[in-house]
Amino acid sequence: MHPGQQVAVGSPGRRQRQRVPLPLLLPAVAGLLFLVLPLAGLVIRAPWSSLPQRLAEPGVLTALRLSVQTATVATLLCLALGVPLAWLLARVDFPGRRLVRALVTVPLVLPPVVGGVALLLVFGRGGLLGGWLDATFGVTLPFTTPGVVAAEAFVAMPFLVIAVEGALRGADVRYEEAAATLGAGRWTTFTHVTLPLIAPGVVAGTVLCWARALGEFGATITFAGNYPGRTQTMPLAVYLALETDLDTAIVLSLVLLAVSVTILVALRDRWLTRP
């Protein structure tokens, strides 16, 4: 290279983007259409003229209210249990940590119906803990509203744990060490230093956890049933409406779709790759 010679920085990258190989372009477009067309069909087919009336129907409002309530309680339960679990996985080196981390993420890939069966085998009246809970405290989880919370928390907690653990691993431990040097106890350091450091990760994990709990279906219907006003959440109401009223099923699906899109837009900077 001669002195003073200039190099066109970035121009090869721009030319490469313009010359997309046809064998890659066609399946990419097909994949995009495969993902987008069903959502577009849902929006196009929606009964927009009667949407307010259908959303105001007692059954729809009941399912929506129950879904929001149970998803919120399940998320609070996940926060109470998941944040300490994420801290344990990120900060403590103990035998079998990799196995524990793998077990925590199992609900992400486990079929939800199988999760519901597993919950029944543990918390059912003849389960490992269910009989004791019923005899000792009179607590019965299957086919109850608390059972819905348990099913939603089971499938949603891994989202929170993964997000918080990632935030903990990315946090600068020097602040925690400095707090300990100044005499702060472990609990004070955690609440006043660690939590503020990982607050964005906790918020992101909480939102994802809540959205997953709101959309839970398989474990809920298996473990808690489908009783209107007690265990029938929005996804279960969609399933039931498909057999009797397609327009109502579409309206309920639109609500869940709107929630999902809102979650993705709110977390785009954290979870989606920027161009």
Protein backbone atom coordinates (compact mmCIF):
# COMPACT_ATOMS: atom_id res chain seq x y z
CA MET A 1 0.00 0.00 0.00
CA HIS A 2 1.41 3.37 -0.99
CA PRO A 3 1.48 6.26 1.47
CA GLY A 4 -1.67 8.29 1.27
CA GLN A 5 -3.61 5.51 -0.41
CA GLN A 6 -7.13 5.31 0.98
CA VAL A 7 -9.07 2.14 1.64
CA ALA A 8 -12.81 2.04 1.14
CA VAL A 9 -13.79 0.86 4.60
CA GLY A 10 -17.12 -0.88 4.74
CA SER A 11 -17.79 -0.92 1.00
CA PRO A 12 -17.21 -4.67 0.62
CA GLY A 13 -19.75 -5.27 3.36
CA ARG A 14 -22.29 -3.11 1.57
CA ARG A 15 -21.73 -4.88 -1.74
CA GLN A 16 -22.07 -8.23 -0.01
CA ARG A 17 -25.44 -7.27 1.45
CA GLN A 18 -26.67 -6.24 -2.00
CA ARG A 19 -25.59 -9.48 -3.63
CA VAL A 20 -27.57 -12.04 -1.67
CA PRO A 21 -27.10 -15.56 -3.08
CA LEU A 22 -30.36 -16.83 -4.52
CA PRO A 23 -30.08 -20.24 -2.75
CA LEU A 24 -30.09 -18.34 0.55
CA LEU A 25 -32.62 -15.65 -0.37
CA LEU A 26 -35.43 -17.99 -1.39
CA PRO A 27 -35.52 -20.13 1.77
CA ALA A 28 -35.03 -17.01 3.91
CA VAL A 29 -38.08 -15.37 2.35
CA ALA A 30 -40.03 -18.63 2.65
CA GLY A 31 -39.11 -18.87 6.33
CA LEU A 32 -40.19 -15.28 6.93
CA LEU A 33 -43.53 -15.88 5.23
CA PHE A 34 -44.02 -19.08 7.17
CA LEU A 35 -43.67 -17.16 10.43
CA VAL A 36 -45.50 -13.97 9.48
CA LEU A 37 -48.44 -15.20 7.40
CA PRO A 38 -50.24 -16.99 10.28
CA LEU A 39 -50.01 -13.84 12.38
CA ALA A 40 -51.20 -11.73 9.46
CA GLY A 41 -54.07 -14.14 8.92
CA LEU A 42 -55.08 -13.74 12.54
CA VAL A 43 -55.12 -9.96 12.23
CA ILE A 44 -56.95 -9.99 8.87
CA ARG A 45 -59.56 -12.50 10.01
CA ALA A 46 -60.30 -10.70 13.29
CA PRO A 47 -63.87 -9.41 13.75
CA TRP A 48 -62.81 -5.80 14.23
CA SER A 49 -66.35 -4.43 14.09
CA SER A 50 -67.51 -6.54 17.04
CA LEU A 51 -64.18 -6.56 18.89
CA PRO A 52 -65.21 -4.25 21.78
CA GLN A 53 -68.42 -6.20 22.38
CA ARG A 54 -66.62 -9.54 22.40
CA LEU A 55 -63.94 -8.29 24.75
CA ALA A 56 -66.67 -7.10 27.11
CA GLU A 57 -68.32 -10.53 27.32
CA PRO A 58 -68.35 -11.89 30.90
CA GLY A 59 -66.50 -15.09 29.98
CA VAL A 60 -63.74 -13.21 28.20
CA LEU A 61 -63.29 -10.70 31.01
CA THR A 62 -63.24 -13.49 33.58
CA ALA A 63 -60.57 -15.42 31.70
CA LEU A 64 -58.53 -12.26 31.15
CA ARG A 65 -58.73 -11.23 34.78
CA LEU A 66 -57.81 -14.72 35.99
CA SER A 67 -54.90 -14.88 33.57
CA VAL A 68 -53.47 -11.54 34.71
CA GLN A 69 -53.92 -12.40 38.38
CA THR A 70 -52.39 -15.87 38.22
CA ALA A 71 -49.54 -14.77 35.95
CA THR A 72 -48.72 -11.93 38.34
CA VAL A 73 -48.78 -14.16 41.42
CA ALA A 74 -46.72 -16.80 39.60
CA THR A 75 -44.17 -14.15 38.64
CA LEU A 76 -43.90 -12.95 42.24
CA LEU A 77 -43.33 -16.56 43.30
CA CYS A 78 -40.67 -16.93 40.62
CA LEU A 79 -38.97 -13.75 41.84
CA ALA A 80 -38.94 -14.98 45.44
CA LEU A 81 -37.44 -18.34 44.46
CA GLY A 82 -35.68 -17.65 41.17
CA VAL A 83 -33.49 -14.68 42.09
CA PRO A 84 -31.80 -16.53 44.99
CA LEU A 85 -31.43 -19.60 42.76
CA ALA A 86 -29.82 -17.51 40.02
CA TRP A 87 -27.45 -15.96 42.59
CA LEU A 88 -26.51 -19.43 43.80
CA LEU A 89 -25.72 -20.60 40.27
CA ALA A 90 -23.75 -17.48 39.41
CA ARG A 91 -21.84 -16.79 42.61
CA VAL A 92 -21.35 -20.12 44.42
CA ASP A 93 -19.09 -22.85 43.12
CA PHE A 94 -20.49 -26.11 44.49
CA PRO A 95 -20.35 -29.74 43.34
CA GLY A 96 -22.99 -30.53 40.75
CA ARG A 97 -23.62 -26.91 39.75
CA ARG A 98 -23.76 -27.81 36.05
CA LEU A 99 -26.30 -30.52 36.80
CA VAL A 100 -28.42 -28.10 38.82
CA ARG A 101 -28.28 -25.54 36.02
CA ALA A 102 -29.37 -28.21 33.53
CA LEU A 103 -32.27 -29.25 35.77
CA VAL A 104 -33.37 -25.62 36.11
CA THR A 105 -33.59 -25.27 32.34
CA VAL A 106 -35.44 -28.56 31.77
CA PRO A 107 -38.92 -26.90 31.76
CA LEU A 108 -37.78 -24.85 28.74
CA VAL A 109 -37.64 -27.97 26.57
CA LEU A 110 -40.01 -30.25 28.47
CA PRO A 111 -43.44 -30.62 26.83
CA PRO A 112 -45.83 -28.63 29.05
CA VAL A 113 -48.25 -31.55 29.30
CA VAL A 114 -45.45 -33.67 30.74
CA GLY A 115 -44.80 -30.89 33.22
CA GLY A 116 -48.45 -31.02 34.25
CA VAL A 117 -48.25 -34.78 34.76
CA ALA A 118 -45.10 -34.33 36.84
CA LEU A 119 -46.84 -31.73 39.00
CA LEU A 120 -49.74 -34.12 39.56
CA LEU A 121 -47.34 -36.85 40.66
CA VAL A 122 -45.83 -34.49 43.24
CA PHE A 123 -48.73 -32.30 44.38
CA GLY A 124 -51.71 -34.54 43.66
CA ARG A 125 -53.47 -36.11 46.63
CA GLY A 126 -51.62 -39.34 45.97
CA GLY A 127 -48.38 -37.60 45.06
CA LEU A 128 -45.08 -37.27 46.86
CA LEU A 129 -46.11 -34.11 48.72
CA GLY A 130 -49.77 -33.68 47.89
CA GLY A 131 -51.09 -36.15 50.45
CA TRP A 132 -49.00 -34.61 53.21
CA LEU A 133 -50.08 -31.08 52.28
CA ASP A 134 -53.73 -32.12 52.31
CA ALA A 135 -53.52 -34.00 55.61
CA THR A 136 -51.36 -31.45 57.42
CA PHE A 137 -52.51 -28.09 56.09
CA GLY A 138 -55.66 -28.94 54.15
CA VAL A 139 -54.01 -27.58 50.99
CA THR A 140 -55.04 -29.07 47.65
CA LEU A 141 -53.41 -27.73 44.50
CA PRO A 142 -54.74 -29.74 41.54
CA PHE A 143 -57.78 -28.25 39.79
CA THR A 144 -57.67 -25.05 41.83
CA THR A 145 -56.57 -21.49 41.17
CA PRO A 146 -53.38 -21.97 43.23
CA GLY A 147 -52.75 -24.97 40.98
CA VAL A 148 -52.79 -22.62 37.99
CA VAL A 149 -50.18 -20.46 39.72
CA ALA A 150 -48.03 -23.52 40.42
CA ALA A 151 -48.21 -24.70 36.81
CA GLU A 152 -47.38 -21.25 35.43
CA ALA A 153 -44.49 -20.78 37.84
CA PHE A 154 -43.06 -24.19 36.92
CA VAL A 155 -42.79 -23.38 33.22
CA ALA A 156 -41.91 -19.68 33.61
CA MET A 157 -39.23 -19.67 36.30
CA PRO A 158 -36.37 -20.78 33.99
CA PHE A 159 -36.79 -17.58 31.96
CA LEU A 160 -36.23 -15.50 35.07
CA VAL A 161 -33.35 -17.60 36.38
CA ILE A 162 -31.47 -17.51 33.06
CA ALA A 163 -31.89 -13.74 32.70
CA VAL A 164 -30.84 -12.97 36.28
CA GLU A 165 -27.92 -15.40 36.22
CA GLY A 166 -26.66 -13.80 33.02
CA ALA A 167 -26.91 -10.36 34.61
CA LEU A 168 -25.04 -11.56 37.68
CA ARG A 169 -22.23 -13.03 35.60
CA GLY A 170 -21.92 -9.78 33.68
CA ALA A 171 -21.91 -7.57 36.78
CA ASP A 172 -18.63 -6.16 38.08
CA VAL A 173 -17.87 -8.01 41.33
CA ARG A 174 -15.46 -5.28 42.42
CA TYR A 175 -18.39 -3.23 43.72
CA GLU A 176 -19.48 -6.12 45.90
CA GLU A 177 -15.92 -6.64 47.11
CA ALA A 178 -15.63 -2.96 47.94
CA ALA A 179 -18.86 -3.08 49.94
CA ALA A 180 -17.59 -6.12 51.85
CA THR A 181 -14.31 -4.32 52.53
CA LEU A 182 -16.24 -1.40 54.02
CA GLY A 183 -17.96 -3.77 56.43
CA ALA A 184 -21.25 -4.47 54.67
CA GLY A 185 -22.72 -7.88 55.38
CA ARG A 186 -23.67 -10.33 52.66
CA TRP A 187 -27.36 -9.47 52.80
CA THR A 188 -26.67 -5.72 52.80
CA THR A 189 -24.28 -6.13 49.89
CA PHE A 190 -26.85 -8.14 47.98
CA THR A 191 -29.73 -5.74 48.54
CA HIS A 192 -27.82 -2.44 48.22
CA VAL A 193 -25.13 -3.29 45.67
CA THR A 194 -25.87 -6.47 43.75
CA LEU A 195 -29.56 -5.93 43.07
CA PRO A 196 -29.12 -2.37 41.74
CA LEU A 197 -26.33 -3.63 39.47
CA ILE A 198 -28.48 -6.39 37.96
CA ALA A 199 -31.78 -4.47 38.01
CA PRO A 200 -32.13 -4.38 34.17
CA GLY A 201 -31.62 -8.14 34.00
CA VAL A 202 -34.14 -8.72 36.77
CA VAL A 203 -36.70 -6.51 35.04
CA ALA A 204 -36.18 -8.25 31.70
CA GLY A 205 -36.43 -11.68 33.30
CA THR A 206 -39.54 -10.65 35.20
CA VAL A 207 -41.29 -9.44 32.07
CA LEU A 208 -40.38 -12.58 30.14
CA CYS A 209 -41.49 -14.73 33.06
CA TRP A 210 -44.83 -12.94 33.27
CA ALA A 211 -45.43 -13.26 29.54
CA ARG A 212 -44.62 -16.98 29.61
CA ALA A 213 -46.93 -17.51 32.57
CA LEU A 214 -49.71 -15.62 30.80
CA GLY A 215 -49.46 -17.87 27.76
CA GLU A 216 -49.11 -21.19 29.58
CA PHE A 217 -51.51 -23.90 28.41
CA GLY A 218 -50.34 -27.52 28.58
CA ALA A 219 -49.26 -27.80 32.20
CA THR A 220 -52.24 -25.73 33.33
CA ILE A 221 -54.93 -27.82 31.66
CA THR A 222 -53.26 -31.04 32.83
CA PHE A 223 -52.66 -30.01 36.43
CA ALA A 224 -55.43 -27.47 37.09
CA GLY A 225 -58.13 -28.34 34.57
CA ASN A 226 -60.34 -25.99 32.60
CA TYR A 227 -63.01 -24.67 34.96
CA PRO A 228 -64.49 -21.25 34.03
CA GLY A 229 -63.85 -18.63 36.68
CA ARG A 230 -61.46 -20.86 38.61
CA THR A 231 -58.79 -22.32 36.34
CA GLN A 232 -59.77 -21.26 32.81
CA THR A 233 -57.09 -18.81 31.72
CA MET A 234 -56.89 -17.05 28.35
CA PRO A 235 -55.10 -19.86 26.45
CA LEU A 236 -57.61 -22.39 27.79
CA ALA A 237 -60.49 -20.10 26.82
CA VAL A 238 -59.07 -19.92 23.28
CA TYR A 239 -58.99 -23.72 23.13
CA LEU A 240 -62.59 -23.98 24.32
CA ALA A 241 -63.84 -21.18 22.05
CA LEU A 242 -62.41 -22.92 18.97
CA GLU A 243 -65.10 -25.57 19.36
CA THR A 244 -68.01 -23.15 19.67
CA ASP A 245 -67.18 -19.61 18.51
CA LEU A 246 -64.24 -19.02 16.17
CA ASP A 247 -64.52 -15.23 16.33
CA THR A 248 -64.20 -15.25 20.12
CA ALA A 249 -61.16 -17.51 19.84
CA ILE A 250 -59.61 -15.04 17.39
CA VAL A 251 -60.29 -12.10 19.71
CA LEU A 252 -58.68 -13.89 22.65
CA SER A 253 -55.72 -14.84 20.46
CA LEU A 254 -55.32 -11.21 19.41
CA VAL A 255 -55.05 -10.16 23.04
CA LEU A 256 -52.29 -12.69 23.67
CA LEU A 257 -50.57 -11.68 20.42
CA ALA A 258 -50.67 -8.01 21.42
CA VAL A 259 -49.09 -8.87 24.78
CA SER A 260 -46.33 -10.87 23.09
CA VAL A 261 -45.54 -8.11 20.60
CA THR A 262 -45.50 -5.51 23.37
CA ILE A 263 -43.06 -7.63 25.38
CA LEU A 264 -40.72 -8.05 22.42
CA VAL A 265 -40.80 -4.35 21.58
CA ALA A 266 -40.10 -3.40 25.20
CA LEU A 267 -37.12 -5.76 25.40
CA ARG A 268 -35.77 -5.36 21.88
CA ASP A 269 -32.54 -3.64 22.98
CA ARG A 270 -31.72 -6.48 25.37
CA TRP A 271 -32.91 -9.56 23.53
CA LEU A 272 -32.90 -8.71 19.85
CA THR A 273 -29.77 -8.14 17.83
CA ARG A 274 -29.40 -4.58 16.55
CA PRO A 275 -28.37 -4.08 12.92
